């Protein structure tokens, strides 16, 4: 992917990073959703899932996402919805609205 995500999306993830690391459940379902959407590669997915704790998986994912192109943010929000983590999608969306 030639370019990263939009600046406001990157900032929303950065500003929400503490909550994401504390609350985000990065499991096979979430990673599979991002893999199916071509946001993550198989080796990225394996690297994330190899992390021993949920917090470390979350941290690894939040470092990778901003580099995964302009669709990464909306794909991540979709993955949050399908894995019943809508509250985190809402948190990210609220961060976006604060910057407007």
PDB file of N, CA and C in Angstrom:
ATOM      1  N   UNK A   1       0.846  -1.183   0.000  1.00  0.00           N
ATOM      2  CA  UNK A   1       0.000   0.000   0.000  1.00  0.00           C
ATOM      3  C   UNK A   1       0.887   1.241   0.000  1.00  0.00           C
ATOM      4  N   UNK A   2       0.649   2.081  -0.981  1.00  0.00           N
ATOM      5  CA  UNK A   2       1.534   3.225  -1.204  1.00  0.00           C
ATOM      6  C   UNK A   2       1.425   4.281  -0.108  1.00  0.00           C
ATOM      7  N   UNK A   3       0.217   4.516   0.402  1.00  0.00           N
ATOM      8  CA  UNK A   3       0.078   5.589   1.388  1.00  0.00           C
ATOM      9  C   UNK A   3      -0.642   5.080   2.626  1.00  0.00           C
ATOM     10  N   UNK A   4      -0.463   5.812   3.704  1.00  0.00           N
ATOM     11  CA  UNK A   4      -1.102   5.437   4.959  1.00  0.00           C
ATOM     12  C   UNK A   4      -2.523   5.954   5.038  1.00  0.00           C
ATOM     13  N   UNK A   5      -3.110   5.806   6.220  1.00  0.00           N
ATOM     14  CA  UNK A   5      -4.483   6.283   6.399  1.00  0.00           C
ATOM     15  C   UNK A   5      -4.499   7.805   6.512  1.00  0.00           C
ATOM     16  N   UNK A   6      -5.682   8.370   6.409  1.00  0.00           N
ATOM     17  CA  UNK A   6      -5.845   9.815   6.530  1.00  0.00           C
ATOM     18  C   UNK A   6      -5.355  10.282   7.900  1.00  0.00           C
ATOM     19  N   UNK A   7      -4.806  11.483   7.921  1.00  0.00           N
ATOM     20  CA  UNK A   7      -4.232  12.031   9.157  1.00  0.00           C
ATOM     21  C   UNK A   7      -5.233  12.036  10.313  1.00  0.00           C
ATOM     22  N   UNK A   8      -6.489  12.436  10.042  1.00  0.00           N
ATOM     23  CA  UNK A   8      -7.461  12.497  11.144  1.00  0.00           C
ATOM     24  C   UNK A   8      -7.778  11.103  11.694  1.00  0.00           C
ATOM     25  N   UNK A   9      -7.724  10.084  10.829  1.00  0.00           N
ATOM     26  CA  UNK A   9      -7.950   8.713  11.287  1.00  0.00           C
ATOM     27  C   UNK A   9      -6.776   8.247  12.153  1.00  0.00           C
ATOM     28  N   UNK A  10      -5.572   8.593  11.709  1.00  0.00           N
ATOM     29  CA  UNK A  10      -4.365   8.228  12.450  1.00  0.00           C
ATOM     30  C   UNK A  10      -4.380   8.866  13.847  1.00  0.00           C
ATOM     31  N   UNK A  11      -4.771  10.140  13.889  1.00  0.00           N
ATOM     32  CA  UNK A  11      -4.842  10.853  15.169  1.00  0.00           C
ATOM     33  C   UNK A  11      -5.915  10.268  16.087  1.00  0.00           C
ATOM     34  N   UNK A  12      -7.049   9.882  15.523  1.00  0.00           N
ATOM     35  CA  UNK A  12      -8.126   9.288  16.332  1.00  0.00           C
ATOM     36  C   UNK A  12      -7.640   7.997  16.987  1.00  0.00           C
ATOM     37  N   UNK A  13      -6.894   7.193  16.233  1.00  0.00           N
ATOM     38  CA  UNK A  13      -6.348   5.957  16.799  1.00  0.00           C
ATOM     39  C   UNK A  13      -5.317   6.281  17.875  1.00  0.00           C
ATOM     40  N   UNK A  14      -4.462   7.258  17.598  1.00  0.00           N
ATOM     41  CA  UNK A  14      -3.432   7.612  18.581  1.00  0.00           C
ATOM     42  C   UNK A  14      -4.067   8.129  19.872  1.00  0.00           C
ATOM     43  N   UNK A  15      -5.058   9.020  19.743  1.00  0.00           N
ATOM     44  CA  UNK A  15      -5.707   9.588  20.935  1.00  0.00           C
ATOM     45  C   UNK A  15      -6.488   8.537  21.720  1.00  0.00           C
ATOM     46  N   UNK A  16      -6.925   7.491  21.027  1.00  0.00           N
ATOM     47  CA  UNK A  16      -7.698   6.426  21.674  1.00  0.00           C
ATOM     48  C   UNK A  16      -6.814   5.248  22.064  1.00  0.00           C
ATOM     49  N   UNK A  17      -5.515   5.374  21.883  1.00  0.00           N
ATOM     50  CA  UNK A  17      -4.634   4.211  22.040  1.00  0.00           C
ATOM     51  C   UNK A  17      -4.675   3.604  23.444  1.00  0.00           C
ATOM     52  N   UNK A  18      -4.808   4.443  24.478  1.00  0.00           N
ATOM     53  CA  UNK A  18      -4.866   3.885  25.835  1.00  0.00           C
ATOM     54  C   UNK A  18      -6.112   3.010  25.996  1.00  0.00           C
ATOM     55  N   UNK A  19      -7.256   3.551  25.598  1.00  0.00           N
ATOM     56  CA  UNK A  19      -8.511   2.790  25.704  1.00  0.00           C
ATOM     57  C   UNK A  19      -8.450   1.531  24.843  1.00  0.00           C
ATOM     58  N   UNK A  20      -7.868   1.647  23.652  1.00  0.00           N
ATOM     59  CA  UNK A  20      -7.755   0.481  22.779  1.00  0.00           C
ATOM     60  C   UNK A  20      -6.887  -0.597  23.429  1.00  0.00           C
ATOM     61  N   UNK A  21      -5.752  -0.198  23.983  1.00  0.00           N
ATOM     62  CA  UNK A  21      -4.873  -1.188  24.624  1.00  0.00           C
ATOM     63  C   UNK A  21      -5.535  -1.829  25.847  1.00  0.00           C
ATOM     64  N   UNK A  22      -6.346  -1.062  26.557  1.00  0.00           N
ATOM     65  CA  UNK A  22      -7.011  -1.584  27.756  1.00  0.00           C
ATOM     66  C   UNK A  22      -8.225  -2.457  27.431  1.00  0.00           C
ATOM     67  N   UNK A  23      -8.991  -2.073  26.392  1.00  0.00           N
ATOM     68  CA  UNK A  23     -10.304  -2.688  26.175  1.00  0.00           C
ATOM     69  C   UNK A  23     -10.421  -3.555  24.924  1.00  0.00           C
ATOM     70  N   UNK A  24      -9.589  -3.285  23.932  1.00  0.00           N
ATOM     71  CA  UNK A  24      -9.720  -3.993  22.656  1.00  0.00           C
ATOM     72  C   UNK A  24      -9.393  -5.470  22.812  1.00  0.00           C
ATOM     73  N   UNK A  25     -10.285  -6.326  22.332  1.00  0.00           N
ATOM     74  CA  UNK A  25     -10.033  -7.762  22.311  1.00  0.00           C
ATOM     75  C   UNK A  25      -9.582  -8.122  20.899  1.00  0.00           C
ATOM     76  N   UNK A  26      -8.285  -8.326  20.748  1.00  0.00           N
ATOM     77  CA  UNK A  26      -7.746  -8.717  19.445  1.00  0.00           C
ATOM     78  C   UNK A  26      -7.683 -10.236  19.428  1.00  0.00           C
ATOM     79  N   UNK A  27      -8.667 -10.828  18.746  1.00  0.00           N
ATOM     80  CA  UNK A  27      -8.712 -12.283  18.642  1.00  0.00           C
ATOM     81  C   UNK A  27      -8.705 -12.684  17.172  1.00  0.00           C
ATOM     82  N   UNK A  28      -8.841 -13.977  16.922  1.00  0.00           N
ATOM     83  CA  UNK A  28      -8.811 -14.471  15.546  1.00  0.00           C
ATOM     84  C   UNK A  28      -9.896 -13.841  14.687  1.00  0.00           C
ATOM     85  N   UNK A  29     -11.082 -13.620  15.261  1.00  0.00           N
ATOM     86  CA  UNK A  29     -12.197 -13.063  14.484  1.00  0.00           C
ATOM     87  C   UNK A  29     -11.881 -11.650  13.991  1.00  0.00           C
ATOM     88  N   UNK A  30     -11.347 -10.813  14.863  1.00  0.00           N
ATOM     89  CA  UNK A  30     -11.000  -9.440  14.487  1.00  0.00           C
ATOM     90  C   UNK A  30      -9.893  -9.444  13.431  1.00  0.00           C
ATOM     91  N   UNK A  31      -8.859 -10.224  13.676  1.00  0.00           N
ATOM     92  CA  UNK A  31      -7.731 -10.291  12.742  1.00  0.00           C
ATOM     93  C   UNK A  31      -8.190 -10.860  11.399  1.00  0.00           C
ATOM     94  N   UNK A  32      -9.043 -11.877  11.437  1.00  0.00           N
ATOM     95  CA  UNK A  32      -9.550 -12.494  10.208  1.00  0.00           C
ATOM     96  C   UNK A  32     -10.346 -11.489   9.377  1.00  0.00           C
ATOM     97  N   UNK A  33     -11.119 -10.644  10.046  1.00  0.00           N
ATOM     98  CA  UNK A  33     -11.890  -9.619   9.351  1.00  0.00           C
ATOM     99  C   UNK A  33     -10.962  -8.656   8.605  1.00  0.00           C
ATOM    100  N   UNK A  34      -9.878  -8.236   9.260  1.00  0.00           N
ATOM    101  CA  UNK A  34      -8.909  -7.322   8.638  1.00  0.00           C
ATOM    102  C   UNK A  34      -8.108  -8.022   7.545  1.00  0.00           C
ATOM    103  N   UNK A  35      -7.875  -9.303   7.721  1.00  0.00           N
ATOM    104  CA  UNK A  35      -7.170 -10.109   6.722  1.00  0.00           C
ATOM    105  C   UNK A  35      -8.037 -10.261   5.473  1.00  0.00           C
ATOM    106  N   UNK A  36      -9.317 -10.558   5.676  1.00  0.00           N
ATOM    107  CA  UNK A  36     -10.253 -10.734   4.562  1.00  0.00           C
ATOM    108  C   UNK A  36     -10.416  -9.448   3.762  1.00  0.00           C
ATOM    109  N   UNK A  37     -10.258  -8.318   4.434  1.00  0.00           N
ATOM    110  CA  UNK A  37     -10.399  -7.009   3.798  1.00  0.00           C
ATOM    111  C   UNK A  37      -9.077  -6.502   3.198  1.00  0.00           C
ATOM    112  N   UNK A  38      -8.062  -7.363   3.217  1.00  0.00           N
ATOM    113  CA  UNK A  38      -6.726  -7.015   2.694  1.00  0.00           C
ATOM    114  C   UNK A  38      -6.081  -5.835   3.413  1.00  0.00           C
ATOM    115  N   UNK A  39      -6.419  -5.655   4.677  1.00  0.00           N
ATOM    116  CA  UNK A  39      -5.779  -4.609   5.479  1.00  0.00           C
ATOM    117  C   UNK A  39      -4.505  -5.172   6.105  1.00  0.00           C
ATOM    118  N   UNK A  40      -4.580  -6.407   6.571  1.00  0.00           N
ATOM    119  CA  UNK A  40      -3.400  -7.083   7.111  1.00  0.00           C
ATOM    120  C   UNK A  40      -2.943  -8.181   6.161  1.00  0.00           C
ATOM    121  N   UNK A  41      -1.643  -8.442   6.160  1.00  0.00           N
ATOM    122  CA  UNK A  41      -1.109  -9.596   5.431  1.00  0.00           C
ATOM    123  C   UNK A  41      -1.131 -10.795   6.385  1.00  0.00           C
ATOM    124  N   UNK A  42      -0.941 -11.979   5.838  1.00  0.00           N
ATOM    125  CA  UNK A  42      -0.913 -13.165   6.700  1.00  0.00           C
ATOM    126  C   UNK A  42       0.211 -13.089   7.721  1.00  0.00           C
ATOM    127  N   UNK A  43       1.373 -12.589   7.295  1.00  0.00           N
ATOM    128  CA  UNK A  43       2.486 -12.530   8.256  1.00  0.00           C
ATOM    129  C   UNK A  43       2.208 -11.508   9.361  1.00  0.00           C
ATOM    130  N   UNK A  44       1.533 -10.391   9.028  1.00  0.00           N
ATOM    131  CA  UNK A  44       1.146  -9.420  10.063  1.00  0.00           C
ATOM    132  C   UNK A  44       0.168 -10.056  11.047  1.00  0.00           C
ATOM    133  N   UNK A  45      -0.802 -10.788  10.500  1.00  0.00           N
ATOM    134  CA  UNK A  45      -1.799 -11.452  11.345  1.00  0.00           C
ATOM    135  C   UNK A  45      -1.119 -12.427  12.302  1.00  0.00           C
ATOM    136  N   UNK A  46      -0.173 -13.200  11.783  1.00  0.00           N
ATOM    137  CA  UNK A  46       0.544 -14.159  12.627  1.00  0.00           C
ATOM    138  C   UNK A  46       1.350 -13.447  13.708  1.00  0.00           C
ATOM    139  N   UNK A  47       1.998 -12.340  13.339  1.00  0.00           N
ATOM    140  CA  UNK A  47       2.794 -11.569  14.300  1.00  0.00           C
ATOM    141  C   UNK A  47       1.913 -11.028  15.422  1.00  0.00           C
ATOM    142  N   UNK A  48       0.754 -10.492  15.060  1.00  0.00           N
ATOM    143  CA  UNK A  48      -0.175  -9.944  16.059  1.00  0.00           C
ATOM    144  C   UNK A  48      -0.655 -11.049  16.999  1.00  0.00           C
ATOM    145  N   UNK A  49      -1.119 -12.154  16.415  1.00  0.00           N
ATOM    146  CA  UNK A  49      -1.692 -13.229  17.227  1.00  0.00           C
ATOM    147  C   UNK A  49      -0.642 -13.961  18.060  1.00  0.00           C
ATOM    148  N   UNK A  50       0.633 -13.828  17.691  1.00  0.00           N
ATOM    149  CA  UNK A  50       1.711 -14.466  18.460  1.00  0.00           C
ATOM    150  C   UNK A  50       2.018 -13.722  19.760  1.00  0.00           C
ATOM    151  N   UNK A  51       1.555 -12.471  19.868  1.00  0.00           N
ATOM    152  CA  UNK A  51       1.799 -11.709  21.100  1.00  0.00           C
ATOM    153  C   UNK A  51       1.098 -12.414  22.269  1.00  0.00           C
ATOM    154  N   UNK A  52       1.757 -12.480  23.432  1.00  0.00           N
ATOM    155  CA  UNK A  52       1.232 -13.293  24.538  1.00  0.00           C
ATOM    156  C   UNK A  52       0.011 -12.724  25.263  1.00  0.00           C
ATOM    157  N   UNK A  53      -0.184 -11.404  25.215  1.00  0.00           N
ATOM    158  CA  UNK A  53      -1.324 -10.822  25.939  1.00  0.00           C
ATOM    159  C   UNK A  53      -2.189 -10.002  24.989  1.00  0.00           C
ATOM    160  N   UNK A  54      -3.434  -9.807  25.395  1.00  0.00           N
ATOM    161  CA  UNK A  54      -4.362  -9.014  24.597  1.00  0.00           C
ATOM    162  C   UNK A  54      -3.852  -7.584  24.437  1.00  0.00           C
ATOM    163  N   UNK A  55      -3.278  -7.021  25.514  1.00  0.00           N
ATOM    164  CA  UNK A  55      -2.762  -5.649  25.433  1.00  0.00           C
ATOM    165  C   UNK A  55      -1.640  -5.538  24.405  1.00  0.00           C
ATOM    166  N   UNK A  56      -0.758  -6.528  24.365  1.00  0.00           N
ATOM    167  CA  UNK A  56       0.342  -6.490  23.398  1.00  0.00           C
ATOM    168  C   UNK A  56      -0.173  -6.667  21.970  1.00  0.00           C
ATOM    169  N   UNK A  57      -1.205  -7.510  21.800  1.00  0.00           N
ATOM    170  CA  UNK A  57      -1.816  -7.669  20.468  1.00  0.00           C
ATOM    171  C   UNK A  57      -2.453  -6.358  20.028  1.00  0.00           C
ATOM    172  N   UNK A  58      -3.139  -5.685  20.958  1.00  0.00           N
ATOM    173  CA  UNK A  58      -3.770  -4.396  20.659  1.00  0.00           C
ATOM    174  C   UNK A  58      -2.730  -3.359  20.267  1.00  0.00           C
ATOM    175  N   UNK A  59      -1.645  -3.302  21.036  1.00  0.00           N
ATOM    176  CA  UNK A  59      -0.574  -2.346  20.769  1.00  0.00           C
ATOM    177  C   UNK A  59       0.028  -2.593  19.389  1.00  0.00           C
ATOM    178  N   UNK A  60       0.312  -3.845  19.085  1.00  0.00           N
ATOM    179  CA  UNK A  60       0.894  -4.202  17.784  1.00  0.00           C
ATOM    180  C   UNK A  60      -0.051  -3.792  16.652  1.00  0.00           C
ATOM    181  N   UNK A  61      -1.340  -4.076  16.814  1.00  0.00           N
ATOM    182  CA  UNK A  61      -2.323  -3.733  15.785  1.00  0.00           C
ATOM    183  C   UNK A  61      -2.415  -2.218  15.597  1.00  0.00           C
ATOM    184  N   UNK A  62      -2.434  -1.456  16.700  1.00  0.00           N
ATOM    185  CA  UNK A  62      -2.552   0.002  16.567  1.00  0.00           C
ATOM    186  C   UNK A  62      -1.296   0.629  15.964  1.00  0.00           C
ATOM    187  N   UNK A  63      -0.161  -0.043  16.056  1.00  0.00           N
ATOM    188  CA  UNK A  63       1.046   0.436  15.370  1.00  0.00           C
ATOM    189  C   UNK A  63       0.986   0.155  13.871  1.00  0.00           C
ATOM    190  N   UNK A  64       0.411  -0.984  13.508  1.00  0.00           N
ATOM    191  CA  UNK A  64       0.355  -1.386  12.097  1.00  0.00           C
ATOM    192  C   UNK A  64      -0.730  -0.660  11.301  1.00  0.00           C
ATOM    193  N   UNK A  65      -1.899  -0.499  11.895  1.00  0.00           N
ATOM    194  CA  UNK A  65      -3.054   0.042  11.158  1.00  0.00           C
ATOM    195  C   UNK A  65      -2.801   1.350  10.408  1.00  0.00           C
ATOM    196  N   UNK A  66      -2.160   2.351  11.043  1.00  0.00           N
ATOM    197  CA  UNK A  66      -1.978   3.627  10.334  1.00  0.00           C
ATOM    198  C   UNK A  66      -1.168   3.519   9.041  1.00  0.00           C
ATOM    199  N   UNK A  67      -0.410   2.436   8.890  1.00  0.00           N
ATOM    200  CA  UNK A  67       0.428   2.260   7.698  1.00  0.00           C
ATOM    201  C   UNK A  67      -0.272   1.442   6.621  1.00  0.00           C
ATOM    202  N   UNK A  68      -1.538   1.065   6.859  1.00  0.00           N
ATOM    203  CA  UNK A  68      -2.192   0.105   5.980  1.00  0.00           C
ATOM    204  C   UNK A  68      -3.175   0.711   4.984  1.00  0.00           C
ATOM    205  N   UNK A  69      -3.016   1.981   4.696  1.00  0.00           N
ATOM    206  CA  UNK A  69      -3.789   2.592   3.620  1.00  0.00           C
ATOM    207  C   UNK A  69      -5.052   3.291   4.075  1.00  0.00           C
ATOM    208  N   UNK A  70      -5.675   4.028   3.146  1.00  0.00           N
ATOM    209  CA  UNK A  70      -6.830   4.865   3.489  1.00  0.00           C
ATOM    210  C   UNK A  70      -8.076   4.087   3.915  1.00  0.00           C
ATOM    211  N   UNK A  71      -8.188   2.804   3.553  1.00  0.00           N
ATOM    212  CA  UNK A  71      -9.361   2.001   3.932  1.00  0.00           C
ATOM    213  C   UNK A  71      -9.221   1.349   5.306  1.00  0.00           C
ATOM    214  N   UNK A  72      -8.030   1.422   5.889  1.00  0.00           N
ATOM    215  CA  UNK A  72      -7.765   0.691   7.135  1.00  0.00           C
ATOM    216  C   UNK A  72      -8.683   1.116   8.282  1.00  0.00           C
ATOM    217  N   UNK A  73      -8.959   2.408   8.389  1.00  0.00           N
ATOM    218  CA  UNK A  73      -9.778   2.902   9.504  1.00  0.00           C
ATOM    219  C   UNK A  73     -11.202   2.365   9.425  1.00  0.00           C
ATOM    220  N   UNK A  74     -11.840   2.500   8.257  1.00  0.00           N
ATOM    221  CA  UNK A  74     -13.228   2.028   8.137  1.00  0.00           C
ATOM    222  C   UNK A  74     -13.297   0.509   8.262  1.00  0.00           C
ATOM    223  N   UNK A  75     -12.289  -0.182   7.762  1.00  0.00           N
ATOM    224  CA  UNK A  75     -12.247  -1.631   7.895  1.00  0.00           C
ATOM    225  C   UNK A  75     -12.102  -2.041   9.364  1.00  0.00           C
ATOM    226  N   UNK A  76     -11.275  -1.309  10.095  1.00  0.00           N
ATOM    227  CA  UNK A  76     -11.088  -1.569  11.522  1.00  0.00           C
ATOM    228  C   UNK A  76     -12.405  -1.353  12.272  1.00  0.00           C
ATOM    229  N   UNK A  77     -13.114  -0.265  11.954  1.00  0.00           N
ATOM    230  CA  UNK A  77     -14.416  -0.005  12.594  1.00  0.00           C
ATOM    231  C   UNK A  77     -15.414  -1.121  12.280  1.00  0.00           C
ATOM    232  N   UNK A  78     -15.416  -1.596  11.039  1.00  0.00           N
ATOM    233  CA  UNK A  78     -16.295  -2.720  10.671  1.00  0.00           C
ATOM    234  C   UNK A  78     -15.933  -3.967  11.467  1.00  0.00           C
ATOM    235  N   UNK A  79     -14.632  -4.229  11.584  1.00  0.00           N
ATOM    236  CA  UNK A  79     -14.172  -5.393  12.348  1.00  0.00           C
ATOM    237  C   UNK A  79     -14.588  -5.274  13.817  1.00  0.00           C
ATOM    238  N   UNK A  80     -14.538  -4.058  14.360  1.00  0.00           N
ATOM    239  CA  UNK A  80     -14.979  -3.843  15.747  1.00  0.00           C
ATOM    240  C   UNK A  80     -16.467  -4.156  15.892  1.00  0.00           C
ATOM    241  N   UNK A  81     -17.257  -3.727  14.897  1.00  0.00           N
ATOM    242  CA  UNK A  81     -18.700  -3.988  14.964  1.00  0.00           C
ATOM    243  C   UNK A  81     -18.995  -5.486  14.912  1.00  0.00           C
ATOM    244  N   UNK A  82     -18.368  -6.206  13.986  1.00  0.00           N
ATOM    245  CA  UNK A  82     -18.678  -7.637  13.852  1.00  0.00           C
ATOM    246  C   UNK A  82     -18.158  -8.462  15.027  1.00  0.00           C
ATOM    247  N   UNK A  83     -17.203  -7.922  15.775  1.00  0.00           N
ATOM    248  CA  UNK A  83     -16.705  -8.637  16.959  1.00  0.00           C
ATOM    249  C   UNK A  83     -17.315  -8.073  18.249  1.00  0.00           C
ATOM    250  N   UNK A  84     -18.442  -7.377  18.110  1.00  0.00           N
ATOM    251  CA  UNK A  84     -19.217  -6.859  19.241  1.00  0.00           C
ATOM    252  C   UNK A  84     -18.407  -5.902  20.121  1.00  0.00           C
ATOM    253  N   UNK A  85     -17.642  -5.030  19.457  1.00  0.00           N
ATOM    254  CA  UNK A  85     -16.863  -4.007  20.168  1.00  0.00           C
ATOM    255  C   UNK A  85     -17.246  -2.616  19.644  1.00  0.00           C
ATOM    256  N   UNK A  86     -18.544  -2.455  19.398  1.00  0.00           N
ATOM    257  CA  UNK A  86     -19.090  -1.212  18.857  1.00  0.00           C
ATOM    258  C   UNK A  86     -18.674   0.005  19.682  1.00  0.00           C
ATOM    259  N   UNK A  87     -18.573  -0.153  21.004  1.00  0.00           N
ATOM    260  CA  UNK A  87     -18.211   0.978  21.877  1.00  0.00           C
ATOM    261  C   UNK A  87     -16.849   1.563  21.494  1.00  0.00           C
ATOM    262  N   UNK A  88     -15.934   0.731  21.016  1.00  0.00           N
ATOM    263  CA  UNK A  88     -14.619   1.239  20.599  1.00  0.00           C
ATOM    264  C   UNK A  88     -14.707   1.951  19.258  1.00  0.00           C
ATOM    265  N   UNK A  89     -15.575   1.457  18.387  1.00  0.00           N
ATOM    266  CA  UNK A  89     -15.836   2.143  17.115  1.00  0.00           C
ATOM    267  C   UNK A  89     -16.421   3.531  17.412  1.00  0.00           C
ATOM    268  N   UNK A  90     -17.359   3.588  18.365  1.00  0.00           N
ATOM    269  CA  UNK A  90     -17.964   4.868  18.765  1.00  0.00           C
ATOM    270  C   UNK A  90     -16.915   5.820  19.335  1.00  0.00           C
ATOM    271  N   UNK A  91     -16.011   5.289  20.148  1.00  0.00           N
ATOM    272  CA  UNK A  91     -14.939   6.091  20.735  1.00  0.00           C
ATOM    273  C   UNK A  91     -14.076   6.725  19.640  1.00  0.00           C
ATOM    274  N   UNK A  92     -13.703   5.934  18.645  1.00  0.00           N
ATOM    275  CA  UNK A  92     -12.891   6.444  17.534  1.00  0.00           C
ATOM    276  C   UNK A  92     -13.643   7.509  16.745  1.00  0.00           C
ATOM    277  N   UNK A  93     -14.929   7.269  16.510  1.00  0.00           N
ATOM    278  CA  UNK A  93     -15.754   8.218  15.762  1.00  0.00           C
ATOM    279  C   UNK A  93     -15.890   9.536  16.526  1.00  0.00           C
ATOM    280  N   UNK A  94     -16.038   9.450  17.851  1.00  0.00           N
ATOM    281  CA  UNK A  94     -16.121  10.666  18.678  1.00  0.00           C
ATOM    282  C   UNK A  94     -14.823  11.460  18.608  1.00  0.00           C
ATOM    283  N   UNK A  95     -13.685  10.772  18.572  1.00  0.00           N
ATOM    284  CA  UNK A  95     -12.395  11.465  18.437  1.00  0.00           C
ATOM    285  C   UNK A  95     -12.338  12.225  17.113  1.00  0.00           C
ATOM    286  N   UNK A  96     -12.866  11.608  16.053  1.00  0.00           N
ATOM    287  CA  UNK A  96     -12.894  12.271  14.743  1.00  0.00           C
ATOM    288  C   UNK A  96     -13.732  13.538  14.802  1.00  0.00           C
ATOM    289  N   UNK A  97     -14.901  13.445  15.453  1.00  0.00           N
ATOM    290  CA  UNK A  97     -15.810  14.593  15.520  1.00  0.00           C
ATOM    291  C   UNK A  97     -15.222  15.734  16.345  1.00  0.00           C
ATOM    292  N   UNK A  98     -14.405  15.417  17.349  1.00  0.00           N
ATOM    293  CA  UNK A  98     -13.756  16.453  18.165  1.00  0.00           C
ATOM    294  C   UNK A  98     -12.828  17.321  17.326  1.00  0.00           C
ATOM    295  N   UNK A  99     -12.202  16.703  16.326  1.00  0.00           N
ATOM    296  CA  UNK A  99     -11.228  17.433  15.505  1.00  0.00           C
ATOM    297  C   UNK A  99     -11.869  18.304  14.431  1.00  0.00           C
ATOM    298  N   UNK A 100     -13.154  18.065  14.144  1.00  0.00           N
ATOM    299  CA  UNK A 100     -13.821  18.840  13.073  1.00  0.00           C
ATOM    300  C   UNK A 100     -14.043  20.287  13.474  1.00  0.00           C
TER     301      UNK A 100
END
